[in-house]
Amino acid sequence: MRPSLLLLILASLIARADNPALKMKVIFSDDFEAAAVDQTKWKITAPQHVSIKKGKLVLGFGMTPTGPVGGGITIAAKPEQPYGYYEASIRFNAYKGHRGTMRISSTAEEIPGASITIQNKGADLVYPWARLASAGGTRDAASPKETGFLGGGKEAASKKFNTYGILWTEKAYTIYIGGKVAMKIDKPEVKTPMSFAIQHNALESDRKDFDPKTLPDDIEVDWVKVYK
């Protein structure tokens, strides 16, 4: 066997061994094969921007005089489990001025609380981010870089469906981008259930980069799985 082929096989085995899903079972999933979003599974934000096309969930976006409006979905059932692995296959938007997010989060009033997020700013800048709230105040755990974790070309976040995951255990929050660890936060304080959502939205700071000529610039979701 050629050395290069052996290295590829070893790398593949290591990546599979590091996949949290291998040691867990699926407790929630959706592959979006129905004609419309299953509202027994999902709460929908801005339904005019949410649809299913060719087996993919499509989250659109628009800028209105009163502000940005984008589609989003949140698991409909009240969260019942602390800890788990949340995974989705997503093709993010290509342009700046709006952004895609996948997150788990506790409610705003909960202390301790957390929002663990994978975010795409457009231009294939996908990065991890977290906001942590405790009795001592709120702090942000920012990405160590904002230059993108997937690279460009055919692997870019807007060119293909990549797998994104958030692992929440008693020991850490771990964010996976493209099958690789992008951020790890040790000693999580939150021990109560958190909700899961995927959204297409914008911040006030995004307005300067928004160009309506780039629309439609949708986010597509191939599947979602939650493991316990």
C-alpha atoms as a PDB file:
ATOM      1  CA  MET A   1       0.000   0.000   0.000  1.00  0.00           C
ATOM      2  CA  ARG A   2       1.322   3.433  -0.927  1.00  0.00           C
ATOM      3  CA  PRO A   3       2.241   5.649   2.075  1.00  0.00           C
ATOM      4  CA  SER A   4      -0.051   8.458   0.907  1.00  0.00           C
ATOM      5  CA  LEU A   5      -3.026   6.088   0.696  1.00  0.00           C
ATOM      6  CA  LEU A   6      -2.256   4.715   4.157  1.00  0.00           C
ATOM      7  CA  LEU A   7      -2.174   8.238   5.590  1.00  0.00           C
ATOM      8  CA  LEU A   8      -5.552   9.009   4.028  1.00  0.00           C
ATOM      9  CA  ILE A   9      -7.068   5.872   5.539  1.00  0.00           C
ATOM     10  CA  LEU A  10      -5.616   6.653   8.978  1.00  0.00           C
ATOM     11  CA  ALA A  11      -6.882  10.239   8.800  1.00  0.00           C
ATOM     12  CA  SER A  12     -10.347   8.978   7.872  1.00  0.00           C
ATOM     13  CA  LEU A  13     -10.375   6.512  10.781  1.00  0.00           C
ATOM     14  CA  ILE A  14      -9.291   9.219  13.233  1.00  0.00           C
ATOM     15  CA  ALA A  15     -12.009  11.602  11.989  1.00  0.00           C
ATOM     16  CA  ARG A  16     -14.643   8.884  12.365  1.00  0.00           C
ATOM     17  CA  ALA A  17     -13.413   8.004  15.839  1.00  0.00           C
ATOM     18  CA  ASP A  18     -13.740  11.654  16.897  1.00  0.00           C
ATOM     19  CA  ASN A  19     -17.331  11.879  15.645  1.00  0.00           C
ATOM     20  CA  PRO A  20     -19.540  12.230  18.765  1.00  0.00           C
ATOM     21  CA  ALA A  21     -22.509  10.668  16.942  1.00  0.00           C
ATOM     22  CA  LEU A  22     -20.804   7.263  16.889  1.00  0.00           C
ATOM     23  CA  LYS A  23     -21.357   6.858  20.632  1.00  0.00           C
ATOM     24  CA  MET A  24     -24.886   8.283  20.805  1.00  0.00           C
ATOM     25  CA  LYS A  25     -28.404   7.589  19.550  1.00  0.00           C
ATOM     26  CA  VAL A  26     -30.673   9.814  17.475  1.00  0.00           C
ATOM     27  CA  ILE A  27     -33.607  11.258  19.431  1.00  0.00           C
ATOM     28  CA  PHE A  28     -34.767  13.820  16.834  1.00  0.00           C
ATOM     29  CA  SER A  29     -34.266  14.116  13.075  1.00  0.00           C
ATOM     30  CA  ASP A  30     -35.661  15.707   9.938  1.00  0.00           C
ATOM     31  CA  ASP A  31     -34.488  15.223   6.358  1.00  0.00           C
ATOM     32  CA  PHE A  32     -37.032  17.710   4.923  1.00  0.00           C
ATOM     33  CA  GLU A  33     -38.497  15.322   2.361  1.00  0.00           C
ATOM     34  CA  ALA A  34     -42.099  16.475   2.949  1.00  0.00           C
ATOM     35  CA  ALA A  35     -43.835  19.103   0.837  1.00  0.00           C
ATOM     36  CA  ALA A  36     -43.782  21.607   3.693  1.00  0.00           C
ATOM     37  CA  VAL A  37     -42.070  22.067   7.035  1.00  0.00           C
ATOM     38  CA  ASP A  38     -43.467  19.710   9.671  1.00  0.00           C
ATOM     39  CA  GLN A  39     -44.899  22.096  12.257  1.00  0.00           C
ATOM     40  CA  THR A  40     -45.197  19.323  14.819  1.00  0.00           C
ATOM     41  CA  LYS A  41     -41.387  19.343  14.782  1.00  0.00           C
ATOM     42  CA  TRP A  42     -40.590  23.003  14.168  1.00  0.00           C
ATOM     43  CA  LYS A  43     -41.656  26.510  15.130  1.00  0.00           C
ATOM     44  CA  ILE A  44     -41.206  28.783  12.119  1.00  0.00           C
ATOM     45  CA  THR A  45     -39.950  32.366  12.074  1.00  0.00           C
ATOM     46  CA  ALA A  46     -40.979  34.547   9.091  1.00  0.00           C
ATOM     47  CA  PRO A  47     -42.885  31.777   7.239  1.00  0.00           C
ATOM     48  CA  GLN A  48     -42.828  33.811   4.018  1.00  0.00           C
ATOM     49  CA  HIS A  49     -39.111  33.062   3.924  1.00  0.00           C
ATOM     50  CA  VAL A  50     -39.316  29.359   4.848  1.00  0.00           C
ATOM     51  CA  SER A  51     -39.994  26.560   2.349  1.00  0.00           C
ATOM     52  CA  ILE A  52     -38.915  23.113   1.233  1.00  0.00           C
ATOM     53  CA  LYS A  53     -37.588  22.634  -2.294  1.00  0.00           C
ATOM     54  CA  LYS A  54     -36.197  19.409  -3.729  1.00  0.00           C
ATOM     55  CA  GLY A  55     -35.695  17.844  -0.318  1.00  0.00           C
ATOM     56  CA  LYS A  56     -33.940  20.856   1.185  1.00  0.00           C
ATOM     57  CA  LEU A  57     -35.147  23.349   3.752  1.00  0.00           C
ATOM     58  CA  VAL A  58     -34.756  26.855   2.281  1.00  0.00           C
ATOM     59  CA  LEU A  59     -34.381  29.888   4.561  1.00  0.00           C
ATOM     60  CA  GLY A  60     -34.677  33.128   2.615  1.00  0.00           C
ATOM     61  CA  PHE A  61     -34.002  36.735   3.565  1.00  0.00           C
ATOM     62  CA  GLY A  62     -35.138  40.263   2.787  1.00  0.00           C
ATOM     63  CA  MET A  63     -34.412  43.812   3.970  1.00  0.00           C
ATOM     64  CA  THR A  64     -37.514  45.885   4.698  1.00  0.00           C
ATOM     65  CA  PRO A  65     -37.862  49.563   5.681  1.00  0.00           C
ATOM     66  CA  THR A  66     -38.318  48.482   9.283  1.00  0.00           C
ATOM     67  CA  GLY A  67     -35.388  46.084   9.300  1.00  0.00           C
ATOM     68  CA  PRO A  68     -34.149  42.678   8.145  1.00  0.00           C
ATOM     69  CA  VAL A  69     -36.489  39.696   7.903  1.00  0.00           C
ATOM     70  CA  GLY A  70     -35.201  36.156   7.508  1.00  0.00           C
ATOM     71  CA  GLY A  71     -36.527  32.657   7.836  1.00  0.00           C
ATOM     72  CA  GLY A  72     -35.786  30.463  10.807  1.00  0.00           C
ATOM     73  CA  ILE A  73     -36.751  27.224  12.523  1.00  0.00           C
ATOM     74  CA  THR A  74     -36.639  26.171  16.183  1.00  0.00           C
ATOM     75  CA  ILE A  75     -37.445  22.708  17.499  1.00  0.00           C
ATOM     76  CA  ALA A  76     -41.090  22.964  18.549  1.00  0.00           C
ATOM     77  CA  ALA A  77     -41.081  20.657  21.551  1.00  0.00           C
ATOM     78  CA  LYS A  78     -40.094  22.163  24.862  1.00  0.00           C
ATOM     79  CA  PRO A  79     -36.472  21.157  25.513  1.00  0.00           C
ATOM     80  CA  GLU A  80     -36.346  18.247  27.922  1.00  0.00           C
ATOM     81  CA  GLN A  81     -32.763  17.034  27.784  1.00  0.00           C
ATOM     82  CA  PRO A  82     -29.611  18.589  29.129  1.00  0.00           C
ATOM     83  CA  TYR A  83     -26.551  17.641  27.098  1.00  0.00           C
ATOM     84  CA  GLY A  84     -26.407  16.053  23.653  1.00  0.00           C
ATOM     85  CA  TYR A  85     -24.998  16.466  20.152  1.00  0.00           C
ATOM     86  CA  TYR A  86     -26.758  18.739  17.666  1.00  0.00           C
ATOM     87  CA  GLU A  87     -25.790  18.299  14.010  1.00  0.00           C
ATOM     88  CA  ALA A  88     -26.941  19.663  10.650  1.00  0.00           C
ATOM     89  CA  SER A  89     -25.881  19.686   7.013  1.00  0.00           C
ATOM     90  CA  ILE A  90     -26.056  23.301   5.801  1.00  0.00           C
ATOM     91  CA  ARG A  91     -25.141  25.347   2.746  1.00  0.00           C
ATOM     92  CA  PHE A  92     -24.791  28.919   3.969  1.00  0.00           C
ATOM     93  CA  ASN A  93     -25.348  32.243   2.194  1.00  0.00           C
ATOM     94  CA  ALA A  94     -22.576  33.560  -0.058  1.00  0.00           C
ATOM     95  CA  TYR A  95     -22.696  37.333   0.448  1.00  0.00           C
ATOM     96  CA  LYS A  96     -22.168  39.734   3.324  1.00  0.00           C
ATOM     97  CA  GLY A  97     -24.964  41.876   4.710  1.00  0.00           C
ATOM     98  CA  HIS A  98     -26.855  38.981   6.266  1.00  0.00           C
ATOM     99  CA  ARG A  99     -25.850  35.861   8.137  1.00  0.00           C
ATOM    100  CA  GLY A 100     -26.761  32.287   8.915  1.00  0.00           C
ATOM    101  CA  THR A 101     -26.651  30.850  12.415  1.00  0.00           C
ATOM    102  CA  MET A 102     -27.033  27.459  14.032  1.00  0.00           C
ATOM    103  CA  ARG A 103     -27.216  27.485  17.819  1.00  0.00           C
ATOM    104  CA  ILE A 104     -28.285  25.940  21.058  1.00  0.00           C
ATOM    105  CA  SER A 105     -29.407  28.441  23.675  1.00  0.00           C
ATOM    106  CA  SER A 106     -31.088  28.814  27.025  1.00  0.00           C
ATOM    107  CA  THR A 107     -33.837  31.366  27.602  1.00  0.00           C
ATOM    108  CA  ALA A 108     -32.782  34.957  28.142  1.00  0.00           C
ATOM    109  CA  GLU A 109     -33.717  35.052  31.816  1.00  0.00           C
ATOM    110  CA  GLU A 110     -31.870  31.891  32.827  1.00  0.00           C
ATOM    111  CA  ILE A 111     -28.787  32.210  35.026  1.00  0.00           C
ATOM    112  CA  PRO A 112     -26.512  30.497  34.331  1.00  0.00           C
ATOM    113  CA  GLY A 113     -27.287  30.675  30.618  1.00  0.00           C
ATOM    114  CA  ALA A 114     -25.550  30.163  27.296  1.00  0.00           C
ATOM    115  CA  SER A 115     -25.838  30.606  23.549  1.00  0.00           C
ATOM    116  CA  ILE A 116     -23.439  28.342  21.634  1.00  0.00           C
ATOM    117  CA  THR A 117     -23.392  29.387  17.994  1.00  0.00           C
ATOM    118  CA  ILE A 118     -21.952  28.584  14.584  1.00  0.00           C
ATOM    119  CA  GLN A 119     -22.272  31.655  12.403  1.00  0.00           C
ATOM    120  CA  ASN A 120     -21.625  32.564   8.782  1.00  0.00           C
ATOM    121  CA  LYS A 121     -21.156  36.250   7.940  1.00  0.00           C
ATOM    122  CA  GLY A 122     -21.191  35.660   4.208  1.00  0.00           C
ATOM    123  CA  ALA A 123     -18.024  35.534   2.128  1.00  0.00           C
ATOM    124  CA  ASP A 124     -17.604  31.992   3.534  1.00  0.00           C
ATOM    125  CA  LEU A 125     -16.555  33.336   6.950  1.00  0.00           C
ATOM    126  CA  VAL A 126     -17.884  30.563   9.179  1.00  0.00           C
ATOM    127  CA  TYR A 127     -16.797  30.774  12.784  1.00  0.00           C
ATOM    128  CA  PRO A 128     -17.803  29.641  16.298  1.00  0.00           C
ATOM    129  CA  TRP A 129     -19.022  32.008  18.963  1.00  0.00           C
ATOM    130  CA  ALA A 130     -20.573  31.756  22.427  1.00  0.00           C
ATOM    131  CA  ARG A 131     -22.206  34.027  24.998  1.00  0.00           C
ATOM    132  CA  LEU A 132     -22.131  32.831  28.581  1.00  0.00           C
ATOM    133  CA  ALA A 133     -24.163  34.331  31.429  1.00  0.00           C
ATOM    134  CA  SER A 134     -23.535  33.753  35.122  1.00  0.00           C
ATOM    135  CA  ALA A 135     -24.286  35.470  38.402  1.00  0.00           C
ATOM    136  CA  GLY A 136     -21.095  37.475  37.857  1.00  0.00           C
ATOM    137  CA  GLY A 137     -22.210  38.866  34.489  1.00  0.00           C
ATOM    138  CA  THR A 138     -22.087  38.045  30.777  1.00  0.00           C
ATOM    139  CA  ARG A 139     -19.023  37.276  28.692  1.00  0.00           C
ATOM    140  CA  ASP A 140     -18.437  36.388  25.066  1.00  0.00           C
ATOM    141  CA  ALA A 141     -16.198  33.563  23.965  1.00  0.00           C
ATOM    142  CA  ALA A 142     -15.170  34.761  20.525  1.00  0.00           C
ATOM    143  CA  SER A 143     -13.692  32.718  17.742  1.00  0.00           C
ATOM    144  CA  PRO A 144      -9.887  32.564  17.711  1.00  0.00           C
ATOM    145  CA  LYS A 145     -10.134  33.745  14.111  1.00  0.00           C
ATOM    146  CA  GLU A 146     -12.729  35.042  11.674  1.00  0.00           C
ATOM    147  CA  THR A 147     -10.982  34.069   8.468  1.00  0.00           C
ATOM    148  CA  GLY A 148     -13.161  31.034   7.903  1.00  0.00           C
ATOM    149  CA  PHE A 149     -12.758  27.430   8.979  1.00  0.00           C
ATOM    150  CA  LEU A 150     -13.558  25.715   5.689  1.00  0.00           C
ATOM    151  CA  GLY A 151     -11.310  27.388   3.158  1.00  0.00           C
ATOM    152  CA  GLY A 152     -12.460  28.456  -0.276  1.00  0.00           C
ATOM    153  CA  GLY A 153     -13.086  26.840  -3.630  1.00  0.00           C
ATOM    154  CA  LYS A 154     -15.391  23.849  -3.807  1.00  0.00           C
ATOM    155  CA  GLU A 155     -15.250  23.404  -0.018  1.00  0.00           C
ATOM    156  CA  ALA A 156     -16.571  26.886   0.724  1.00  0.00           C
ATOM    157  CA  ALA A 157     -19.577  27.229   3.015  1.00  0.00           C
ATOM    158  CA  SER A 158     -21.754  28.651   0.238  1.00  0.00           C
ATOM    159  CA  LYS A 159     -20.681  26.143  -2.410  1.00  0.00           C
ATOM    160  CA  LYS A 160     -21.540  22.842  -0.738  1.00  0.00           C
ATOM    161  CA  PHE A 161     -23.323  21.278   2.185  1.00  0.00           C
ATOM    162  CA  ASN A 162     -20.971  20.956   5.123  1.00  0.00           C
ATOM    163  CA  THR A 163     -21.672  19.262   8.435  1.00  0.00           C
ATOM    164  CA  TYR A 164     -21.835  21.460  11.543  1.00  0.00           C
ATOM    165  CA  GLY A 165     -22.131  20.162  15.086  1.00  0.00           C
ATOM    166  CA  ILE A 166     -22.423  21.353  18.684  1.00  0.00           C
ATOM    167  CA  LEU A 167     -21.571  18.858  21.422  1.00  0.00           C
ATOM    168  CA  TRP A 168     -22.716  19.739  24.939  1.00  0.00           C
ATOM    169  CA  THR A 169     -21.529  17.538  27.800  1.00  0.00           C
ATOM    170  CA  GLU A 170     -20.982  17.943  31.522  1.00  0.00           C
ATOM    171  CA  LYS A 171     -17.336  18.743  30.757  1.00  0.00           C
ATOM    172  CA  ALA A 172     -17.443  21.087  27.747  1.00  0.00           C
ATOM    173  CA  TYR A 173     -19.171  22.757  24.834  1.00  0.00           C
ATOM    174  CA  THR A 174     -17.421  21.669  21.623  1.00  0.00           C
ATOM    175  CA  ILE A 175     -18.180  23.168  18.212  1.00  0.00           C
ATOM    176  CA  TYR A 176     -17.427  21.169  15.055  1.00  0.00           C
ATOM    177  CA  ILE A 177     -17.142  22.772  11.624  1.00  0.00           C
ATOM    178  CA  GLY A 178     -16.633  20.467   8.666  1.00  0.00           C
ATOM    179  CA  GLY A 179     -15.919  17.564  11.013  1.00  0.00           C
ATOM    180  CA  LYS A 180     -13.124  19.382  12.854  1.00  0.00           C
ATOM    181  CA  VAL A 181     -13.094  20.935  16.312  1.00  0.00           C
ATOM    182  CA  ALA A 182     -13.324  24.708  15.911  1.00  0.00           C
ATOM    183  CA  MET A 183     -13.835  25.752  19.532  1.00  0.00           C
ATOM    184  CA  LYS A 184     -14.012  24.119  22.951  1.00  0.00           C
ATOM    185  CA  ILE A 185     -15.208  25.737  26.171  1.00  0.00           C
ATOM    186  CA  ASP A 186     -14.532  23.757  29.319  1.00  0.00           C
ATOM    187  CA  LYS A 187     -16.638  23.538  32.490  1.00  0.00           C
ATOM    188  CA  PRO A 188     -20.068  24.603  31.193  1.00  0.00           C
ATOM    189  CA  GLU A 189     -22.287  25.922  33.963  1.00  0.00           C
ATOM    190  CA  VAL A 190     -25.639  25.308  32.229  1.00  0.00           C
ATOM    191  CA  LYS A 191     -27.275  22.057  33.306  1.00  0.00           C
ATOM    192  CA  THR A 192     -30.861  22.728  32.175  1.00  0.00           C
ATOM    193  CA  PRO A 193     -32.238  21.962  28.666  1.00  0.00           C
ATOM    194  CA  MET A 194     -31.476  24.362  25.810  1.00  0.00           C
ATOM    195  CA  SER A 195     -33.330  24.934  22.529  1.00  0.00           C
ATOM    196  CA  PHE A 196     -31.951  24.359  19.018  1.00  0.00           C
ATOM    197  CA  ALA A 197     -32.452  26.723  16.069  1.00  0.00           C
ATOM    198  CA  ILE A 198     -31.205  27.536  12.577  1.00  0.00           C
ATOM    199  CA  GLN A 199     -31.814  31.106  11.392  1.00  0.00           C
ATOM    200  CA  HIS A 200     -31.165  33.502   8.529  1.00  0.00           C
ATOM    201  CA  ASN A 201     -30.927  37.012   9.908  1.00  0.00           C
ATOM    202  CA  ALA A 202     -28.906  40.222  10.066  1.00  0.00           C
ATOM    203  CA  LEU A 203     -27.602  42.648  12.646  1.00  0.00           C
ATOM    204  CA  GLU A 204     -27.736  46.418  12.396  1.00  0.00           C
ATOM    205  CA  SER A 205     -23.998  46.343  11.685  1.00  0.00           C
ATOM    206  CA  ASP A 206     -24.654  44.218   8.578  1.00  0.00           C
ATOM    207  CA  ARG A 207     -26.627  46.939   6.800  1.00  0.00           C
ATOM    208  CA  LYS A 208     -23.511  48.637   5.428  1.00  0.00           C
ATOM    209  CA  ASP A 209     -22.592  45.443   3.557  1.00  0.00           C
ATOM    210  CA  PHE A 210     -26.051  44.554   2.267  1.00  0.00           C
ATOM    211  CA  ASP A 211     -26.636  44.728  -1.488  1.00  0.00           C
ATOM    212  CA  PRO A 212     -30.185  43.806  -2.628  1.00  0.00           C
ATOM    213  CA  LYS A 213     -28.762  42.768  -6.004  1.00  0.00           C
ATOM    214  CA  THR A 214     -27.221  39.709  -4.342  1.00  0.00           C
ATOM    215  CA  LEU A 215     -30.640  38.287  -3.427  1.00  0.00           C
ATOM    216  CA  PRO A 216     -31.868  35.613  -3.444  1.00  0.00           C
ATOM    217  CA  ASP A 217     -28.976  34.352  -1.357  1.00  0.00           C
ATOM    218  CA  ASP A 218     -30.681  31.581   0.557  1.00  0.00           C
ATOM    219  CA  ILE A 219     -29.513  29.196   3.246  1.00  0.00           C
ATOM    220  CA  GLU A 220     -30.310  25.530   2.611  1.00  0.00           C
ATOM    221  CA  VAL A 221     -30.491  22.723   5.167  1.00  0.00           C
ATOM    222  CA  ASP A 222     -30.271  19.100   4.022  1.00  0.00           C
ATOM    223  CA  TRP A 223     -30.913  17.420   7.375  1.00  0.00           C
ATOM    224  CA  VAL A 224     -30.887  17.898  11.144  1.00  0.00           C
ATOM    225  CA  LYS A 225     -30.132  15.299  13.819  1.00  0.00           C
ATOM    226  CA  VAL A 226     -30.090  15.509  17.600  1.00  0.00           C
ATOM    227  CA  TYR A 227     -28.304  12.788  19.575  1.00  0.00           C
ATOM    228  CA  LYS A 228     -28.383  11.774  23.209  1.00  0.00           C
END
